[in-house]
Protein backbone atom coordinates (compact mmCIF):
# COMPACT_ATOMS: atom_id res chain seq x y z
CA UNK A 1 0.00 0.15 -0.14
CA UNK A 2 2.84 2.20 0.83
CA UNK A 3 4.42 1.71 -2.37
CA UNK A 4 1.12 2.43 -4.04
CA UNK A 5 0.96 6.06 -2.44
CA UNK A 6 4.61 6.70 -3.50
CA UNK A 7 4.01 5.85 -6.96
CA UNK A 8 1.00 8.34 -7.12
CA UNK A 9 2.73 11.29 -5.48
CA UNK A 10 5.64 10.88 -7.85
CA UNK A 11 3.29 10.72 -10.61
CA UNK A 12 1.33 14.00 -9.49
CA UNK A 13 4.61 15.70 -8.67
CA UNK A 14 5.65 14.74 -12.30
CA UNK A 15 2.56 15.90 -13.93
CA UNK A 16 2.61 19.25 -12.10
CA UNK A 17 6.36 19.86 -13.22
CA UNK A 18 5.10 19.38 -16.87
CA UNK A 19 2.36 21.52 -16.14
CA UNK A 20 4.41 24.65 -14.78
CA UNK A 21 6.90 23.85 -18.02
CA UNK A 22 3.71 24.18 -20.38
CA UNK A 23 3.37 27.91 -19.19
CA UNK A 24 6.83 28.99 -20.52
CA UNK A 25 6.46 31.16 -23.45
CA UNK A 26 7.62 29.57 -26.31
CA UNK A 27 9.91 31.38 -29.06
CA UNK A 28 8.32 30.75 -32.41
CA UNK A 29 10.41 33.06 -34.67
CA UNK A 30 13.28 35.75 -34.22
CA UNK A 31 14.69 37.85 -36.97
CA UNK A 32 17.28 40.69 -36.66
CA UNK A 33 18.56 43.69 -39.07
CA UNK A 34 20.74 46.63 -38.55
CA UNK A 35 18.85 49.40 -37.47
CA UNK A 36 21.29 53.08 -36.97
CA UNK A 37 24.26 52.14 -34.89
CA UNK A 38 22.86 48.87 -33.52
CA UNK A 39 20.10 46.07 -34.40
CA UNK A 40 16.33 45.77 -34.36
CA UNK A 41 15.39 42.05 -32.86
CA UNK A 42 12.01 41.21 -33.50
CA UNK A 43 10.80 37.93 -31.50
CA UNK A 44 7.63 36.08 -31.85
CA UNK A 45 6.18 34.20 -28.86
CA UNK A 46 3.36 32.25 -27.96
CA UNK A 47 1.88 31.51 -24.65
CA UNK A 48 -1.09 30.73 -23.00
CA UNK A 49 -2.14 34.13 -21.58
CA UNK A 50 -5.06 34.32 -19.22
CA UNK A 51 -4.96 37.98 -18.31
CA UNK A 52 -2.98 40.34 -15.94
CA UNK A 53 -2.56 37.48 -13.32
CA UNK A 54 -0.46 35.06 -16.24
CA UNK A 55 1.16 36.38 -19.03
CA UNK A 56 4.55 36.44 -21.00
CA UNK A 57 6.10 39.32 -19.79
CA UNK A 58 9.64 39.66 -21.49
CA UNK A 59 12.32 38.31 -23.71
CA UNK A 60 15.98 39.03 -23.86
CA UNK A 61 19.02 38.66 -25.88
CA UNK A 62 22.15 37.42 -24.83
CA UNK A 63 25.72 37.22 -26.39
CA UNK A 64 27.43 33.81 -26.69
CA UNK A 65 29.38 34.53 -23.14
CA UNK A 66 25.67 34.92 -21.76
CA UNK A 67 26.14 39.00 -21.26
CA UNK A 68 22.43 40.39 -21.48
CA UNK A 69 22.41 42.73 -24.59
CA UNK A 70 19.04 43.77 -24.05
CA UNK A 71 15.56 42.84 -22.55
CA UNK A 72 12.16 43.72 -23.94
CA UNK A 73 9.42 43.75 -21.27
CA UNK A 74 5.94 43.26 -22.49
CA UNK A 75 3.53 45.70 -20.39
CA UNK A 76 0.31 43.68 -20.91
CA UNK A 77 -1.44 40.16 -21.74
CA UNK A 78 -1.94 39.06 -25.08
CA UNK A 79 -4.46 36.54 -24.82
CA UNK A 80 -6.33 37.34 -27.74
CA UNK A 81 -3.25 38.01 -30.23
CA UNK A 82 -1.39 34.51 -30.28
CA UNK A 83 1.43 34.22 -31.73
CA UNK A 84 2.56 37.69 -31.25
CA UNK A 85 5.89 39.66 -32.32
CA UNK A 86 7.42 42.71 -30.58
CA UNK A 87 10.71 44.41 -31.31
CA UNK A 88 13.63 45.56 -29.35
CA UNK A 89 15.75 48.45 -31.07
CA UNK A 90 19.03 49.65 -30.75
CA UNK A 91 20.46 46.34 -29.67
CA UNK A 92 24.45 46.70 -29.39
CA UNK A 93 25.94 43.58 -30.36
CA UNK A 94 29.76 43.11 -30.07
CA UNK A 95 32.09 43.10 -32.98
CA UNK A 96 32.44 39.73 -34.24
CA UNK A 97 29.41 38.02 -32.77
CA UNK A 98 27.07 36.12 -35.43
CA UNK A 99 24.91 34.15 -33.12
CA UNK A 100 22.62 35.61 -30.25
CA UNK A 101 20.54 33.70 -27.90
CA UNK A 102 16.83 34.65 -26.69
CA UNK A 103 15.16 33.65 -23.72
CA UNK A 104 11.38 34.45 -22.75
CA UNK A 105 9.96 34.91 -19.34
CA UNK A 106 6.55 34.40 -18.14
CA UNK A 107 4.88 36.31 -15.04
CA UNK A 108 3.92 33.05 -13.18
CA UNK A 109 6.77 30.57 -14.43
CA UNK A 110 9.70 33.10 -14.77
CA UNK A 111 12.48 32.47 -17.28
CA UNK A 112 12.48 29.42 -19.46
CA UNK A 113 15.00 27.08 -19.86
CA UNK A 114 14.72 26.71 -23.71
CA UNK A 115 16.57 29.24 -25.86
CA UNK A 116 16.23 30.32 -29.41
CA UNK A 117 19.55 30.64 -31.52
CA UNK A 118 19.35 33.79 -34.07
CA UNK A 119 22.06 33.67 -36.58
CA UNK A 120 22.90 37.36 -37.56
CA UNK A 121 22.54 38.23 -41.40
């Protein structure tokens, strides 16, 4: 009987972990082009926004060494606009860098572990 209870608890914990991970924003696409002295980065996200209590609230651009080059704060939910695209302008990319990493954040789940690699044109 104790083994059956333990197995149920383990199954529930696994299911709750998957549910929490499912709420992390997914980066669907990203593009970059030169704009003035820097770069304009456009990122398309999808997330099951449910309103002001739970929505994708940011994405960030990182250099290969992990340095944050810019963060785009998302100021409101997009529950009726999925997927959605937002831009960040004047991103300073160090000379010689050809690839950037993008991460997304949810108000509830925080920063996702999944990243998106963007190769600069």
